[in-house]
Protein backbone atom coordinates (compact mmCIF):
# COMPACT_ATOMS: atom_id res chain seq x y z
CA MET A 1 -19.61 38.39 -114.88
CA ALA A 2 -21.91 38.77 -111.84
CA ALA A 3 -25.05 38.93 -114.09
CA ASP A 4 -24.02 35.85 -115.86
CA PHE A 5 -23.48 34.00 -112.67
CA LEU A 6 -26.97 34.99 -111.28
CA MET A 7 -28.57 33.86 -114.52
CA HIS A 8 -27.20 30.42 -114.15
CA GLU A 9 -27.97 30.34 -110.33
CA LYS A 10 -31.17 28.46 -109.46
CA ILE A 11 -32.55 30.58 -106.56
CA TRP A 12 -36.26 31.36 -106.16
CA PHE A 13 -36.24 35.10 -105.27
CA ASP A 14 -39.98 35.60 -105.98
CA LYS A 15 -41.34 32.69 -103.83
CA PHE A 16 -43.47 35.02 -101.66
CA LYS A 17 -45.29 36.33 -104.69
CA TYR A 18 -46.30 32.84 -105.68
CA ASP A 19 -47.37 32.10 -102.16
CA ASP A 20 -49.71 35.07 -102.06
CA ALA A 21 -51.14 34.11 -105.43
CA GLU A 22 -51.80 30.54 -104.25
CA LYS A 23 -53.46 31.85 -101.03
CA ARG A 24 -55.78 34.16 -102.95
CA TYR A 25 -56.74 31.29 -105.37
CA TYR A 26 -57.80 28.96 -102.49
CA GLU A 27 -59.69 31.80 -100.79
CA GLN A 28 -61.71 32.47 -103.91
CA MET A 29 -62.56 28.72 -104.13
CA ASN A 30 -63.29 27.87 -100.43
CA GLY A 31 -63.80 31.23 -98.83
CA PRO A 32 -61.54 32.97 -96.30
CA VAL A 33 -59.57 30.58 -93.90
CA ALA A 34 -59.97 31.39 -90.19
CA SER A 35 -56.92 31.76 -87.98
CA PRO A 36 -56.27 29.11 -85.30
CA SER A 37 -57.17 31.64 -82.50
CA CYS A 38 -60.46 32.25 -84.11
CA GLN A 39 -61.16 28.59 -84.40
CA GLN A 40 -60.37 28.07 -80.63
CA SER A 41 -62.63 30.91 -79.59
CA ALA A 42 -65.46 29.51 -81.75
CA SER A 43 -65.01 26.09 -80.33
CA THR A 44 -65.13 27.46 -76.72
CA THR A 45 -68.24 29.61 -77.48
CA SER A 46 -69.97 26.62 -79.08
CA SER A 47 -69.12 24.35 -76.05
CA GLY A 48 -69.69 26.96 -73.35
CA PRO A 49 -73.28 26.50 -72.23
CA GLY A 50 -73.16 22.69 -72.20
CA GLY A 51 -69.94 22.74 -70.10
CA ASP A 52 -71.38 25.18 -67.51
CA GLN A 53 -74.43 23.00 -67.10
CA ASN A 54 -72.36 19.81 -66.58
CA GLU A 55 -70.21 21.64 -63.92
CA LEU A 56 -73.36 22.81 -62.06
CA VAL A 57 -74.69 19.21 -62.03
CA THR A 58 -71.44 17.83 -60.52
CA ARG A 59 -71.34 20.57 -57.91
CA ILE A 60 -74.95 19.85 -56.83
CA ALA A 61 -74.17 16.19 -56.51
CA ASN A 62 -71.15 16.87 -54.36
CA LEU A 63 -73.21 19.15 -52.12
CA GLU A 64 -75.78 16.55 -51.61
CA VAL A 65 -73.22 13.98 -50.58
CA GLU A 66 -71.65 16.41 -48.08
CA ASN A 67 -75.11 17.18 -46.75
CA GLN A 68 -75.81 13.49 -46.18
CA ASN A 69 -72.52 13.05 -44.32
CA LEU A 70 -73.23 15.99 -42.16
CA HIS A 71 -76.69 14.54 -41.35
CA SER A 72 -75.05 11.29 -40.25
CA VAL A 73 -72.50 13.16 -38.09
CA VAL A 74 -75.22 15.12 -36.37
CA ALA A 75 -77.20 11.98 -35.70
CA ASP A 76 -74.17 10.30 -34.07
CA LEU A 77 -73.59 13.36 -31.93
CA GLN A 78 -77.21 13.43 -30.76
CA LEU A 79 -76.96 9.72 -29.87
CA ALA A 80 -73.82 10.28 -27.90
CA ILE A 81 -75.30 13.21 -25.96
CA SER A 82 -78.37 11.08 -25.15
CA LYS A 83 -76.11 8.35 -23.79
CA LEU A 84 -74.26 10.83 -21.67
CA GLU A 85 -77.39 12.26 -20.21
CA THR A 86 -78.72 8.81 -19.24
CA ARG A 87 -75.36 7.98 -17.59
CA LEU A 88 -75.39 11.29 -15.68
CA ASN A 89 -78.86 10.59 -14.44
CA MET A 90 -77.80 7.09 -13.26
CA LEU A 91 -74.77 8.47 -11.45
CA GLU A 92 -76.90 11.10 -9.71
CA LYS A 93 -79.33 8.46 -8.57
CA SER A 94 -76.60 6.18 -7.28
CA SER A 95 -74.94 9.13 -5.41
CA THR A 96 -78.23 10.03 -3.73
CA SER A 97 -78.84 6.42 -2.71
CA HIS A 98 -75.33 6.01 -1.11
CA HIS A 99 -75.48 9.34 0.65
CA PRO A 100 -75.44 8.84 4.38
CA SER A 101 -78.67 9.66 6.16
CA ALA A 102 -78.98 12.79 8.18
CA THR A 103 -77.96 12.50 11.79
CA PRO A 104 -80.92 12.63 14.14
CA PRO A 105 -81.26 15.81 16.13
CA THR A 106 -79.59 15.60 19.47
CA GLN A 107 -81.87 15.69 22.56
CA HIS A 108 -80.99 18.29 25.18
CA VAL A 109 -81.10 16.46 28.53
CA THR A 110 -81.29 18.77 31.57
CA PRO A 111 -78.58 18.00 34.05
CA MET A 112 -79.79 16.20 37.20
CA LYS A 113 -79.30 17.76 40.44
CA LYS A 114 -76.80 16.23 42.81
CA VAL A 115 -78.36 14.89 45.90
CA GLU A 116 -76.11 15.51 48.85
CA SER A 117 -76.03 12.83 51.48
CA PRO A 118 -76.22 13.93 55.09
CA ALA A 119 -72.78 14.76 56.36
CA ALA A 120 -71.23 12.13 58.59
CA PRO A 121 -69.78 13.22 61.92
CA PRO A 122 -65.98 13.64 61.74
CA LYS A 123 -63.93 10.91 63.28
CA LYS A 124 -61.13 11.55 65.71
CA VAL A 125 -57.72 10.55 64.63
CA GLU A 126 -55.57 9.30 67.45
CA LEU A 127 -51.83 9.74 66.99
CA PRO A 128 -49.57 7.02 68.34
CA SER A 129 -47.94 8.11 71.55
CA ALA A 130 -44.12 8.42 71.70
CA PRO A 131 -42.30 5.44 73.33
CA PRO A 132 -41.05 6.10 76.74
CA ALA A 133 -37.42 7.19 76.97
CA LYS A 134 -35.06 4.35 78.05
CA LYS A 135 -32.86 4.76 81.05
CA VAL A 136 -29.16 4.68 80.11
CA GLY A 137 -27.17 2.48 82.47
CA PRO A 138 -23.46 2.99 83.34
CA SER A 139 -22.33 0.16 81.03
CA GLU A 140 -24.00 1.65 77.98
CA ALA A 141 -22.46 5.02 78.77
CA ASP A 142 -18.97 3.41 78.80
CA ASP A 143 -19.59 1.85 75.36
CA GLU A 144 -20.60 5.17 73.89
CA ASP A 145 -17.31 6.70 75.25
CA GLU A 146 -15.34 3.89 73.61
CA ASP A 147 -16.98 4.58 70.27
CA ASP A 148 -16.16 8.21 70.56
CA ASP A 149 -12.49 7.36 71.08
CA ILE A 150 -12.24 5.54 67.63
CA ASP A 151 -10.34 7.80 65.24
CA LEU A 152 -11.56 7.26 61.67
CA PHE A 153 -8.94 9.46 60.09
CA GLY A 154 -6.04 8.67 62.27
CA SER A 155 -2.48 7.28 61.88
CA GLY A 156 -3.58 4.03 60.30
CA ASP A 157 -3.83 5.75 56.91
CA GLU A 158 -0.30 6.91 57.17
CA GLU A 159 0.95 3.34 57.76
CA GLU A 160 -1.07 2.16 54.65
CA ASP A 161 0.52 4.92 52.54
CA GLN A 162 3.98 3.80 53.64
CA GLU A 163 3.21 0.24 52.67
CA ALA A 164 1.83 1.22 49.26
CA ALA A 165 4.93 3.28 48.61
CA LYS A 166 7.17 0.36 49.42
CA VAL A 167 5.21 -1.87 47.05
CA ARG A 168 5.42 0.70 44.33
CA GLU A 169 9.16 1.11 44.66
CA GLU A 170 9.66 -2.64 44.59
CA ARG A 171 7.65 -3.00 41.37
CA LEU A 172 9.64 -0.13 39.71
CA ARG A 173 12.91 -1.79 40.76
CA GLN A 174 11.79 -5.11 39.20
CA TYR A 175 10.73 -3.38 36.01
CA ALA A 176 14.07 -1.61 35.74
CA GLU A 177 15.96 -4.85 36.17
CA LYS A 178 13.80 -6.63 33.57
CA LYS A 179 14.33 -3.76 31.09
CA SER A 180 18.07 -3.81 31.63
CA LYS A 181 18.22 -7.53 30.93
CA LYS A 182 16.26 -7.17 27.71
CA PRO A 183 18.64 -7.03 24.62
CA GLY A 184 18.63 -3.85 22.65
CA LEU A 185 18.15 -3.54 18.92
CA ILE A 186 21.19 -4.76 16.85
CA ALA A 187 22.03 -2.61 13.82
CA LYS A 188 22.59 -4.81 10.72
CA SER A 189 23.33 -4.15 7.06
CA SER A 190 22.68 -6.10 3.87
CA ILE A 191 25.66 -6.10 1.50
CA LEU A 192 25.80 -7.36 -2.08
CA LEU A 193 29.42 -8.21 -3.09
CA ASP A 194 30.94 -8.52 -6.63
CA VAL A 195 33.75 -11.01 -6.48
CA LYS A 196 35.81 -10.99 -9.77
CA PRO A 197 37.97 -13.81 -10.89
CA TRP A 198 41.36 -13.59 -12.83
CA ASP A 199 40.15 -15.01 -16.13
CA ASP A 200 37.65 -17.31 -17.73
CA GLU A 201 39.53 -20.41 -16.57
CA THR A 202 38.99 -19.73 -12.90
CA ASP A 203 36.88 -22.35 -11.17
CA MET A 204 33.90 -20.33 -10.01
CA ALA A 205 32.46 -23.08 -7.84
CA LYS A 206 35.71 -23.33 -5.91
CA MET A 207 35.89 -19.55 -5.55
CA GLU A 208 32.36 -19.48 -4.08
CA GLU A 209 33.33 -22.19 -1.69
CA CYS A 210 36.31 -20.21 -0.54
CA VAL A 211 34.20 -17.01 -0.06
CA ARG A 212 31.69 -18.94 1.99
CA SER A 213 34.42 -20.35 4.07
CA VAL A 214 34.94 -16.96 5.60
CA GLN A 215 33.12 -17.25 8.98
CA MET A 216 32.89 -14.45 11.60
CA ASP A 217 30.67 -13.67 14.54
CA GLY A 218 27.71 -11.53 13.15
CA LEU A 219 28.18 -12.66 9.47
CA VAL A 220 25.52 -14.62 7.59
CA TRP A 221 25.93 -15.61 3.84
CA GLY A 222 22.97 -15.44 1.60
CA ALA A 223 22.10 -16.32 -2.07
CA SER A 224 24.58 -16.00 -4.88
CA LYS A 225 24.71 -16.07 -8.71
CA LEU A 226 27.08 -15.83 -11.61
CA VAL A 227 26.82 -12.71 -13.70
CA PRO A 228 28.59 -12.54 -17.15
CA VAL A 229 31.04 -9.71 -17.51
CA GLY A 230 32.50 -10.20 -21.04
CA TYR A 231 34.81 -12.37 -23.20
CA GLY A 232 33.47 -15.50 -21.35
CA ILE A 233 34.37 -14.14 -17.89
CA LYS A 234 31.75 -14.29 -15.09
CA LYS A 235 31.74 -12.62 -11.74
CA LEU A 236 30.23 -13.96 -8.43
CA GLN A 237 27.52 -11.90 -6.88
CA ILE A 238 26.90 -13.02 -3.35
CA GLN A 239 24.57 -11.54 -0.59
CA CYS A 240 25.51 -11.38 3.02
CA VAL A 241 24.06 -9.80 6.27
CA VAL A 242 26.50 -8.34 8.87
CA GLU A 243 26.16 -6.76 12.26
CA ASP A 244 27.51 -3.20 12.10
CA ASP A 245 29.11 -3.29 15.56
CA LYS A 246 31.03 -6.51 14.90
CA ILE A 247 32.06 -6.56 11.22
CA GLY A 248 33.08 -3.87 8.80
CA THR A 249 33.30 -3.93 5.06
CA ASP A 250 37.09 -3.47 5.04
CA ILE A 251 37.58 -6.58 7.19
CA LEU A 252 35.27 -8.59 4.91
CA GLU A 253 37.16 -7.53 1.77
CA GLU A 254 40.55 -8.42 3.34
CA GLU A 255 39.35 -11.84 4.27
CA ILE A 256 38.04 -12.58 0.79
CA THR A 257 41.03 -11.23 -1.12
CA LYS A 258 43.25 -13.62 0.90
CA PHE A 259 42.32 -16.27 -1.72
CA GLU A 260 44.64 -14.89 -4.28
CA ASP A 261 44.48 -17.95 -6.53
CA TYR A 262 40.84 -17.33 -7.38
CA VAL A 263 39.92 -13.72 -6.33
CA GLN A 264 41.20 -10.73 -8.29
CA SER A 265 39.12 -7.99 -6.55
CA VAL A 266 36.04 -7.50 -4.38
CA ASP A 267 33.57 -4.67 -4.92
CA ILE A 268 30.45 -3.56 -2.96
CA ALA A 269 27.51 -3.54 -5.46
CA ALA A 270 24.82 -2.60 -2.94
CA PHE A 271 24.74 -1.66 0.71
CA ASN A 272 21.47 -1.36 2.64
CA LYS A 273 20.70 -0.81 6.35
CA ILE A 274 18.22 -3.30 7.94
């Protein structure tokens, strides 16, 4: 079965034999065929001498160009050096021309001898004579005795000290009287009251009028406002200033709660010393 199958299969098992035969046929007709590596080496050997010569020519041309550039650079450097030399020479000449001239040598002068003038004869200096002593008469002697009797540190100072002490005591007494008449500091307090009505139908304006109608010595009413409490009810917050020695909070609350038709209760919301 396998041999029959291979007989009908079209597979070329001997292809390499036919390739070798074809290769030998063409070699006999055209000679042996060179390999690609051999062809490349042959081409390089054939083109070798001409390529080297061209490379040398280009290198020589480049060297000549570089040589010309170097010549131009050297020429520029020489020109710059020559300019610098000329400038230095000019600077040296100008510095020598502006240099100050040497100071002339000093002449040594021999000192002259001092000619002494003939000494003048010394003059006599006459001192003024003392005035003659005055004769003291009897009246002048009495005046001197009176001057001696004057006591500079005597009892007059004691009298002056007594007068100064009296003046000082009088001034102290006047100061004490003035200080006693001056009023002292009055202790005051600022109170914020919460005045609550019975219900929402209470006339708040009338209630405030009743509260302000309370008048006492040392009581001053201030600002007021209505503060909502709830369910349409509002309370009256009113400020007042009282003198601590004259009015107490208990008395103030009693006077306000007397208006029973309008006032339910009175509370102190804030209390501050002034």
